[in-house]
Amino acid sequence: AMSTAEVARDMDVLRRAVGDPKLTYLGFSYGSVLG
């Protein structure tokens, strides 16, 4: 359950949790895959 897709889903839920209607993101290296 550690695929990049699951982390992207987590990030979308957490985006909502911090009160942001849309995501602002900066990803380095493999973080580019997540982005």
Full PDB file with SEQRES, HELIX, SHEET, SSBOND, CRYST1, ORIGX, SCALE, CONECT and MASTER records, all heavy atoms in Angstrom:
SEQRES   1 A   35  ALA MET SER THR ALA GLU VAL ALA ARG ASP MET ASP VAL          
SEQRES   2 A   35  LEU ARG ARG ALA VAL GLY ASP PRO LYS LEU THR TYR LEU          
SEQRES   3 A   35  GLY PHE SER TYR GLY SER VAL LEU GLY                          
HELIX    1 AA1 THR A    4  ALA A   17  1                                  14    
HELIX    2 AA2 GLY A   31  LEU A   34  1                                   4    
CRYST1    1.000    1.000    1.000  90.00  90.00  90.00 P 1           1          
ORIGX1      1.000000  0.000000  0.000000        0.00000                         
ORIGX2      0.000000  1.000000  0.000000        0.00000                         
ORIGX3      0.000000  0.000000  1.000000        0.00000                         
SCALE1      1.000000  0.000000  0.000000        0.00000                         
SCALE2      0.000000  1.000000  0.000000        0.00000                         
SCALE3      0.000000  0.000000  1.000000        0.00000                         
ATOM      1  N   ALA A   1       0.831  -1.214   0.000  1.00  0.00           N  
ATOM      2  CA  ALA A   1       0.000   0.000   0.000  1.00  0.00           C  
ATOM      3  C   ALA A   1       0.862   1.260   0.000  1.00  0.00           C  
ATOM      4  O   ALA A   1       0.435   2.302   0.473  1.00  0.00           O  
ATOM      5  CB  ALA A   1      -0.914  -0.008   1.222  1.00  0.00           C  
ATOM      6  N   MET A   2       2.081   1.153  -0.548  1.00  0.00           N  
ATOM      7  CA  MET A   2       3.012   2.282  -0.541  1.00  0.00           C  
ATOM      8  C   MET A   2       3.246   2.857  -1.928  1.00  0.00           C  
ATOM      9  O   MET A   2       4.198   3.608  -2.137  1.00  0.00           O  
ATOM     10  CB  MET A   2       4.353   1.845   0.068  1.00  0.00           C  
ATOM     11  CG  MET A   2       4.303   1.576   1.558  1.00  0.00           C  
ATOM     12  SD  MET A   2       5.901   1.021   2.231  1.00  0.00           S  
ATOM     13  CE  MET A   2       6.952   2.426   1.878  1.00  0.00           C  
ATOM     14  N   SER A   3       2.410   2.532  -2.877  1.00  0.00           N  
ATOM     15  CA  SER A   3       2.619   3.046  -4.225  1.00  0.00           C  
ATOM     16  C   SER A   3       2.504   4.563  -4.240  1.00  0.00           C  
ATOM     17  O   SER A   3       1.910   5.184  -3.351  1.00  0.00           O  
ATOM     18  CB  SER A   3       1.618   2.432  -5.200  1.00  0.00           C  
ATOM     19  OG  SER A   3       0.317   2.941  -4.964  1.00  0.00           O  
ATOM     20  N   THR A   4       3.076   5.180  -5.270  1.00  0.00           N  
ATOM     21  CA  THR A   4       3.013   6.635  -5.404  1.00  0.00           C  
ATOM     22  C   THR A   4       1.581   7.125  -5.453  1.00  0.00           C  
ATOM     23  O   THR A   4       1.258   8.210  -4.945  1.00  0.00           O  
ATOM     24  CB  THR A   4       3.770   7.071  -6.669  1.00  0.00           C  
ATOM     25  OG1 THR A   4       5.133   6.607  -6.573  1.00  0.00           O  
ATOM     26  CG2 THR A   4       3.778   8.584  -6.823  1.00  0.00           C  
ATOM     27  N   ALA A   5       0.695   6.327  -6.045  1.00  0.00           N  
ATOM     28  CA  ALA A   5      -0.717   6.718  -6.112  1.00  0.00           C  
ATOM     29  C   ALA A   5      -1.318   6.863  -4.727  1.00  0.00           C  
ATOM     30  O   ALA A   5      -2.112   7.783  -4.471  1.00  0.00           O  
ATOM     31  CB  ALA A   5      -1.502   5.698  -6.928  1.00  0.00           C  
ATOM     32  N   GLU A   6      -0.972   5.975  -3.804  1.00  0.00           N  
ATOM     33  CA  GLU A   6      -1.524   6.061  -2.451  1.00  0.00           C  
ATOM     34  C   GLU A   6      -1.012   7.320  -1.752  1.00  0.00           C  
ATOM     35  O   GLU A   6      -1.760   7.982  -1.016  1.00  0.00           O  
ATOM     36  CB  GLU A   6      -1.141   4.814  -1.636  1.00  0.00           C  
ATOM     37  CG  GLU A   6      -1.586   3.489  -2.227  1.00  0.00           C  
ATOM     38  CD  GLU A   6      -3.097   3.287  -2.241  1.00  0.00           C  
ATOM     39  OE1 GLU A   6      -3.850   4.224  -1.909  1.00  0.00           O  
ATOM     40  OE2 GLU A   6      -3.529   2.182  -2.612  1.00  0.00           O  
ATOM     41  N   VAL A   7       0.256   7.672  -1.991  1.00  0.00           N  
ATOM     42  CA  VAL A   7       0.806   8.882  -1.383  1.00  0.00           C  
ATOM     43  C   VAL A   7       0.137  10.121  -1.984  1.00  0.00           C  
ATOM     44  O   VAL A   7      -0.140  11.100  -1.278  1.00  0.00           O  
ATOM     45  CB  VAL A   7       2.336   8.928  -1.571  1.00  0.00           C  
ATOM     46  CG1 VAL A   7       2.916  10.185  -0.945  1.00  0.00           C  
ATOM     47  CG2 VAL A   7       2.980   7.689  -0.946  1.00  0.00           C  
ATOM     48  N   ALA A   8      -0.142  10.088  -3.287  1.00  0.00           N  
ATOM     49  CA  ALA A   8      -0.853  11.208  -3.917  1.00  0.00           C  
ATOM     50  C   ALA A   8      -2.255  11.353  -3.327  1.00  0.00           C  
ATOM     51  O   ALA A   8      -2.731  12.479  -3.100  1.00  0.00           O  
ATOM     52  CB  ALA A   8      -0.925  10.996  -5.427  1.00  0.00           C  
ATOM     53  N   ARG A   9      -2.924  10.237  -3.076  1.00  0.00           N  
ATOM     54  CA  ARG A   9      -4.254  10.301  -2.449  1.00  0.00           C  
ATOM     55  C   ARG A   9      -4.147  10.869  -1.037  1.00  0.00           C  
ATOM     56  O   ARG A   9      -4.967  11.701  -0.627  1.00  0.00           O  
ATOM     57  CB  ARG A   9      -4.874   8.901  -2.436  1.00  0.00           C  
ATOM     58  CG  ARG A   9      -5.201   8.380  -3.832  1.00  0.00           C  
ATOM     59  CD  ARG A   9      -5.712   6.944  -3.827  1.00  0.00           C  
ATOM     60  NE  ARG A   9      -5.837   6.476  -5.210  1.00  0.00           N  
ATOM     61  CZ  ARG A   9      -5.236   5.402  -5.718  1.00  0.00           C  
ATOM     62  NH1 ARG A   9      -4.468   4.646  -4.935  1.00  0.00           N  
ATOM     63  NH2 ARG A   9      -5.397   5.074  -6.983  1.00  0.00           N  
ATOM     64  N   ASP A  10      -3.143  10.411  -0.280  1.00  0.00           N  
ATOM     65  CA  ASP A  10      -2.925  10.979   1.057  1.00  0.00           C  
ATOM     66  C   ASP A  10      -2.738  12.488   0.964  1.00  0.00           C  
ATOM     67  O   ASP A  10      -3.294  13.252   1.767  1.00  0.00           O  
ATOM     68  CB  ASP A  10      -1.678  10.360   1.699  1.00  0.00           C  
ATOM     69  CG  ASP A  10      -1.845   8.894   2.079  1.00  0.00           C  
ATOM     70  OD1 ASP A  10      -2.993   8.400   2.089  1.00  0.00           O  
ATOM     71  OD2 ASP A  10      -0.812   8.239   2.338  1.00  0.00           O  
ATOM     72  N   MET A  11      -1.938  12.931  -0.009  1.00  0.00           N  
ATOM     73  CA  MET A  11      -1.646  14.349  -0.135  1.00  0.00           C  
ATOM     74  C   MET A  11      -2.899  15.140  -0.468  1.00  0.00           C  
ATOM     75  O   MET A  11      -3.074  16.276   0.000  1.00  0.00           O  
ATOM     76  CB  MET A  11      -0.563  14.564  -1.195  1.00  0.00           C  
ATOM     77  CG  MET A  11       0.034  15.957  -1.190  1.00  0.00           C  
ATOM     78  SD  MET A  11       1.686  16.056  -1.955  1.00  0.00           S  
ATOM     79  CE  MET A  11       1.322  15.540  -3.635  1.00  0.00           C  
ATOM     80  N   ASP A  12      -3.805  14.569  -1.244  1.00  0.00           N  
ATOM     81  CA  ASP A  12      -5.029  15.288  -1.566  1.00  0.00           C  
ATOM     82  C   ASP A  12      -5.920  15.437  -0.338  1.00  0.00           C  
ATOM     83  O   ASP A  12      -6.525  16.487  -0.128  1.00  0.00           O  
ATOM     84  CB  ASP A  12      -5.794  14.584  -2.686  1.00  0.00           C  
ATOM     85  CG  ASP A  12      -6.889  15.472  -3.251  1.00  0.00           C  
ATOM     86  OD1 ASP A  12      -6.560  16.553  -3.771  1.00  0.00           O  
ATOM     87  OD2 ASP A  12      -8.078  15.099  -3.144  1.00  0.00           O  
ATOM     88  N   VAL A  13      -5.989  14.400   0.483  1.00  0.00           N  
ATOM     89  CA  VAL A  13      -6.766  14.501   1.726  1.00  0.00           C  
ATOM     90  C   VAL A  13      -6.121  15.516   2.664  1.00  0.00           C  
ATOM     91  O   VAL A  13      -6.816  16.332   3.292  1.00  0.00           O  
ATOM     92  CB  VAL A  13      -6.885  13.119   2.397  1.00  0.00           C  
ATOM     93  CG1 VAL A  13      -7.540  13.241   3.778  1.00  0.00           C  
ATOM     94  CG2 VAL A  13      -7.690  12.155   1.522  1.00  0.00           C  
ATOM     95  N   LEU A  14      -4.800  15.508   2.747  1.00  0.00           N  
ATOM     96  CA  LEU A  14      -4.110  16.435   3.637  1.00  0.00           C  
ATOM     97  C   LEU A  14      -4.163  17.866   3.112  1.00  0.00           C  
ATOM     98  O   LEU A  14      -4.179  18.819   3.899  1.00  0.00           O  
ATOM     99  CB  LEU A  14      -2.665  15.983   3.834  1.00  0.00           C  
ATOM    100  CG  LEU A  14      -2.525  14.642   4.574  1.00  0.00           C  
ATOM    101  CD1 LEU A  14      -1.088  14.165   4.577  1.00  0.00           C  
ATOM    102  CD2 LEU A  14      -3.071  14.727   5.992  1.00  0.00           C  
ATOM    103  N   ARG A  15      -4.189  18.043   1.801  1.00  0.00           N  
ATOM    104  CA  ARG A  15      -4.428  19.375   1.228  1.00  0.00           C  
ATOM    105  C   ARG A  15      -5.731  19.951   1.765  1.00  0.00           C  
ATOM    106  O   ARG A  15      -5.803  21.120   2.165  1.00  0.00           O  
ATOM    107  CB  ARG A  15      -4.490  19.271  -0.307  1.00  0.00           C  
ATOM    108  CG  ARG A  15      -5.033  20.533  -0.982  1.00  0.00           C  
ATOM    109  CD  ARG A  15      -5.491  20.263  -2.412  1.00  0.00           C  
ATOM    110  NE  ARG A  15      -6.524  19.260  -2.519  1.00  0.00           N  
ATOM    111  CZ  ARG A  15      -7.804  19.437  -2.219  1.00  0.00           C  
ATOM    112  NH1 ARG A  15      -8.221  20.597  -1.737  1.00  0.00           N  
ATOM    113  NH2 ARG A  15      -8.667  18.460  -2.368  1.00  0.00           N  
ATOM    114  N   ARG A  16      -6.742  19.129   1.789  1.00  0.00           N  
ATOM    115  CA  ARG A  16      -8.031  19.559   2.312  1.00  0.00           C  
ATOM    116  C   ARG A  16      -7.939  19.818   3.816  1.00  0.00           C  
ATOM    117  O   ARG A  16      -8.522  20.776   4.331  1.00  0.00           O  
ATOM    118  CB  ARG A  16      -9.064  18.460   2.025  1.00  0.00           C  
ATOM    119  CG  ARG A  16     -10.463  18.895   2.310  1.00  0.00           C  
ATOM    120  CD  ARG A  16     -11.519  17.812   2.112  1.00  0.00           C  
ATOM    121  NE  ARG A  16     -11.175  16.605   1.447  1.00  0.00           N  
ATOM    122  CZ  ARG A  16     -11.416  15.390   1.954  1.00  0.00           C  
ATOM    123  NH1 ARG A  16     -11.938  15.270   3.165  1.00  0.00           N  
ATOM    124  NH2 ARG A  16     -11.128  14.317   1.267  1.00  0.00           N  
ATOM    125  N   ALA A  17      -7.157  18.993   4.524  1.00  0.00           N  
ATOM    126  CA  ALA A  17      -7.047  19.134   5.979  1.00  0.00           C  
ATOM    127  C   ALA A  17      -6.393  20.447   6.387  1.00  0.00           C  
ATOM    128  O   ALA A  17      -6.708  21.008   7.435  1.00  0.00           O  
ATOM    129  CB  ALA A  17      -6.273  17.955   6.561  1.00  0.00           C  
ATOM    130  N   VAL A  18      -5.457  20.960   5.552  1.00  0.00           N  
ATOM    131  CA  VAL A  18      -4.815  22.235   5.889  1.00  0.00           C  
ATOM    132  C   VAL A  18      -5.607  23.424   5.353  1.00  0.00           C  
ATOM    133  O   VAL A  18      -5.189  24.576   5.512  1.00  0.00           O  
ATOM    134  CB  VAL A  18      -3.361  22.293   5.372  1.00  0.00           C  
ATOM    135  CG1 VAL A  18      -2.516  21.199   6.020  1.00  0.00           C  
ATOM    136  CG2 VAL A  18      -3.300  22.217   3.851  1.00  0.00           C  
ATOM    137  N   GLY A  19      -6.747  23.160   4.728  1.00  0.00           N  
ATOM    138  CA  GLY A  19      -7.639  24.229   4.313  1.00  0.00           C  
ATOM    139  C   GLY A  19      -7.393  24.793   2.932  1.00  0.00           C  
ATOM    140  O   GLY A  19      -7.933  25.852   2.598  1.00  0.00           O  
ATOM    141  N   ASP A  20      -6.609  24.100   2.099  1.00  0.00           N  
ATOM    142  CA  ASP A  20      -6.319  24.602   0.759  1.00  0.00           C  
ATOM    143  C   ASP A  20      -7.274  23.993  -0.260  1.00  0.00           C  
ATOM    144  O   ASP A  20      -7.361  22.759  -0.357  1.00  0.00           O  
ATOM    145  CB  ASP A  20      -4.885  24.270   0.350  1.00  0.00           C  
ATOM    146  CG  ASP A  20      -3.859  25.133   1.064  1.00  0.00           C  
ATOM    147  OD1 ASP A  20      -4.261  25.928   1.936  1.00  0.00           O  
ATOM    148  OD2 ASP A  20      -2.661  25.012   0.751  1.00  0.00           O  
ATOM    149  N   PRO A  21      -7.961  24.832  -1.054  1.00  0.00           N  
ATOM    150  CA  PRO A  21      -8.853  24.282  -2.080  1.00  0.00           C  
ATOM    151  C   PRO A  21      -8.104  23.607  -3.221  1.00  0.00           C  
ATOM    152  O   PRO A  21      -8.644  22.738  -3.896  1.00  0.00           O  
ATOM    153  CB  PRO A  21      -9.631  25.501  -2.574  1.00  0.00           C  
ATOM    154  CG  PRO A  21      -8.786  26.675  -2.232  1.00  0.00           C  
ATOM    155  CD  PRO A  21      -8.052  26.302  -0.988  1.00  0.00           C  
ATOM    156  N   LYS A  22      -6.854  24.037  -3.456  1.00  0.00           N  
ATOM    157  CA  LYS A  22      -6.037  23.398  -4.486  1.00  0.00           C  
ATOM    158  C   LYS A  22      -4.604  23.264  -3.959  1.00  0.00           C  
ATOM    159  O   LYS A  22      -4.199  23.961  -3.022  1.00  0.00           O  
ATOM    160  CB  LYS A  22      -6.062  24.190  -5.797  1.00  0.00           C  
ATOM    161  CG  LYS A  22      -7.428  24.151  -6.480  1.00  0.00           C  
ATOM    162  CD  LYS A  22      -7.361  24.672  -7.914  1.00  0.00           C  
ATOM    163  CE  LYS A  22      -8.728  24.531  -8.593  1.00  0.00           C  
ATOM    164  NZ  LYS A  22      -8.674  24.928 -10.028  1.00  0.00           N  
ATOM    165  N   LEU A  23      -3.833  22.385  -4.591  1.00  0.00           N  
ATOM    166  CA  LEU A  23      -2.501  22.034  -4.088  1.00  0.00           C  
ATOM    167  C   LEU A  23      -1.424  22.954  -4.649  1.00  0.00           C  
ATOM    168  O   LEU A  23      -1.366  23.206  -5.852  1.00  0.00           O  
ATOM    169  CB  LEU A  23      -2.167  20.591  -4.473  1.00  0.00           C  
ATOM    170  CG  LEU A  23      -0.785  20.087  -4.020  1.00  0.00           C  
ATOM    171  CD1 LEU A  23      -0.804  19.770  -2.526  1.00  0.00           C  
ATOM    172  CD2 LEU A  23      -0.356  18.851  -4.818  1.00  0.00           C  
ATOM    173  N   THR A  24      -0.538  23.404  -3.765  1.00  0.00           N  
ATOM    174  CA  THR A  24       0.713  24.039  -4.154  1.00  0.00           C  
ATOM    175  C   THR A  24       1.832  23.103  -3.714  1.00  0.00           C  
ATOM    176  O   THR A  24       1.885  22.689  -2.556  1.00  0.00           O  
ATOM    177  CB  THR A  24       0.880  25.413  -3.492  1.00  0.00           C  
ATOM    178  OG1 THR A  24      -0.249  26.238  -3.810  1.00  0.00           O  
ATOM    179  CG2 THR A  24       2.145  26.097  -3.983  1.00  0.00           C  
ATOM    180  N   TYR A  25       2.751  22.773  -4.643  1.00  0.00           N  
ATOM    181  CA  TYR A  25       3.676  21.653  -4.403  1.00  0.00           C  
ATOM    182  C   TYR A  25       5.035  21.937  -5.027  1.00  0.00           C  
ATOM    183  O   TYR A  25       5.136  22.491  -6.125  1.00  0.00           O  
ATOM    184  CB  TYR A  25       3.091  20.379  -5.014  1.00  0.00           C  
ATOM    185  CG  TYR A  25       3.978  19.153  -4.937  1.00  0.00           C  
ATOM    186  CD1 TYR A  25       4.026  18.377  -3.786  1.00  0.00           C  
ATOM    187  CD2 TYR A  25       4.748  18.764  -6.029  1.00  0.00           C  
ATOM    188  CE1 TYR A  25       4.834  17.246  -3.724  1.00  0.00           C  
ATOM    189  CE2 TYR A  25       5.561  17.639  -5.975  1.00  0.00           C  
ATOM    190  CZ  TYR A  25       5.599  16.878  -4.821  1.00  0.00           C  
ATOM    191  OH  TYR A  25       6.407  15.768  -4.761  1.00  0.00           O  
ATOM    192  N   LEU A  26       6.090  21.530  -4.308  1.00  0.00           N  
ATOM    193  CA  LEU A  26       7.463  21.573  -4.800  1.00  0.00           C  
ATOM    194  C   LEU A  26       8.098  20.225  -4.497  1.00  0.00           C  
ATOM    195  O   LEU A  26       8.273  19.867  -3.333  1.00  0.00           O  
ATOM    196  CB  LEU A  26       8.243  22.705  -4.115  1.00  0.00           C  
ATOM    197  CG  LEU A  26       9.752  22.767  -4.372  1.00  0.00           C  
ATOM    198  CD1 LEU A  26      10.070  22.929  -5.856  1.00  0.00           C  
ATOM    199  CD2 LEU A  26      10.390  23.893  -3.553  1.00  0.00           C  
ATOM    200  N   GLY A  27       8.433  19.476  -5.553  1.00  0.00           N  
ATOM    201  CA  GLY A  27       8.998  18.139  -5.375  1.00  0.00           C  
ATOM    202  C   GLY A  27      10.334  18.008  -6.076  1.00  0.00           C  
ATOM    203  O   GLY A  27      10.492  18.418  -7.231  1.00  0.00           O  
ATOM    204  N   PHE A  28      11.306  17.435  -5.366  1.00  0.00           N  
ATOM    205  CA  PHE A  28      12.639  17.225  -5.905  1.00  0.00           C  
ATOM    206  C   PHE A  28      12.851  15.746  -6.230  1.00  0.00           C  
ATOM    207  O   PHE A  28      12.405  14.863  -5.495  1.00  0.00           O  
ATOM    208  CB  PHE A  28      13.703  17.656  -4.891  1.00  0.00           C  
ATOM    209  CG  PHE A  28      13.648  19.117  -4.525  1.00  0.00           C  
ATOM    210  CD1 PHE A  28      13.016  19.535  -3.357  1.00  0.00           C  
ATOM    211  CD2 PHE A  28      14.214  20.077  -5.349  1.00  0.00           C  
ATOM    212  CE1 PHE A  28      12.967  20.879  -3.013  1.00  0.00           C  
ATOM    213  CE2 PHE A  28      14.172  21.426  -5.012  1.00  0.00           C  
ATOM    214  CZ  PHE A  28      13.544  21.826  -3.842  1.00  0.00           C  
ATOM    215  N   SER A  29      13.572  15.465  -7.325  1.00  0.00           N  
ATOM    216  CA  SER A  29      14.006  14.109  -7.660  1.00  0.00           C  
ATOM    217  C   SER A  29      12.798  13.166  -7.773  1.00  0.00           C  
ATOM    218  O   SER A  29      11.897  13.440  -8.569  1.00  0.00           O  
ATOM    219  CB  SER A  29      15.022  13.640  -6.604  1.00  0.00           C  
ATOM    220  OG  SER A  29      15.706  12.496  -7.024  1.00  0.00           O  
ATOM    221  N   TYR A  30      12.761  12.065  -6.994  1.00  0.00           N  
ATOM    222  CA  TYR A  30      11.570  11.211  -7.052  1.00  0.00           C  
ATOM    223  C   TYR A  30      10.307  12.002  -6.722  1.00  0.00           C  
ATOM    224  O   TYR A  30       9.206  11.649  -7.173  1.00  0.00           O  
ATOM    225  CB  TYR A  30      11.704  10.013  -6.094  1.00  0.00           C  
ATOM    226  CG  TYR A  30      10.356   9.421  -5.745  1.00  0.00           C  
ATOM    227  CD1 TYR A  30       9.697   8.593  -6.634  1.00  0.00           C  
ATOM    228  CD2 TYR A  30       9.721   9.763  -4.548  1.00  0.00           C  
ATOM    229  CE1 TYR A  30       8.436   8.100  -6.341  1.00  0.00           C  
ATOM    230  CE2 TYR A  30       8.474   9.274  -4.242  1.00  0.00           C  
ATOM    231  CZ  TYR A  30       7.832   8.437  -5.148  1.00  0.00           C  
ATOM    232  OH  TYR A  30       6.574   7.966  -4.853  1.00  0.00           O  
ATOM    233  N   GLY A  31      10.441  13.089  -5.972  1.00  0.00           N  
ATOM    234  CA  GLY A  31       9.281  13.943  -5.724  1.00  0.00           C  
ATOM    235  C   GLY A  31       8.658  14.450  -7.009  1.00  0.00           C  
ATOM    236  O   GLY A  31       7.487  14.854  -7.021  1.00  0.00           O  
ATOM    237  N   SER A  32       9.419  14.419  -8.115  1.00  0.00           N  
ATOM    238  CA  SER A  32       8.847  14.778  -9.417  1.00  0.00           C  
ATOM    239  C   SER A  32       7.861  13.720  -9.890  1.00  0.00           C  
ATOM    240  O   SER A  32       6.893  14.027 -10.590  1.00  0.00           O  
ATOM    241  CB  SER A  32       9.958  14.966 -10.454  1.00  0.00           C  
ATOM    242  OG  SER A  32      10.572  13.735 -10.801  1.00  0.00           O  
ATOM    243  N   VAL A  33       8.107  12.467  -9.548  1.00  0.00           N  
ATOM    244  CA  VAL A  33       7.158  11.402  -9.888  1.00  0.00           C  
ATOM    245  C   VAL A  33       5.869  11.606  -9.105  1.00  0.00           C  
ATOM    246  O   VAL A  33       4.766  11.568  -9.668  1.00  0.00           O  
ATOM    247  CB  VAL A  33       7.766  10.016  -9.596  1.00  0.00           C  
ATOM    248  CG1 VAL A  33       6.752   8.908  -9.870  1.00  0.00           C  
ATOM    249  CG2 VAL A  33       9.024   9.794 -10.431  1.00  0.00           C  
ATOM    250  N   LEU A  34       5.998  11.855  -7.802  1.00  0.00           N  
ATOM    251  CA  LEU A  34       4.818  12.106  -6.984  1.00  0.00           C  
ATOM    252  C   LEU A  34       4.035  13.301  -7.525  1.00  0.00           C  
ATOM    253  O   LEU A  34       2.803  13.271  -7.625  1.00  0.00           O  
ATOM    254  CB  LEU A  34       5.239  12.348  -5.532  1.00  0.00           C  
ATOM    255  CG  LEU A  34       4.133  12.745  -4.545  1.00  0.00           C  
ATOM    256  CD1 LEU A  34       3.025  11.697  -4.503  1.00  0.00           C  
ATOM    257  CD2 LEU A  34       4.722  12.975  -3.151  1.00  0.00           C  
ATOM    258  N   GLY A  35       4.745  14.371  -7.890  1.00  0.00           N  
ATOM    259  CA  GLY A  35       4.063  15.542  -8.427  1.00  0.00           C  
ATOM    260  C   GLY A  35       3.321  15.243  -9.713  1.00  0.00           C  
ATOM    261  O   GLY A  35       2.184  15.701  -9.917  1.00  0.00           O  
TER     262      GLY A  35                                                      
MASTER        0    0    0    2    0    0    0    6  261    1    0    3          
END                                                                             
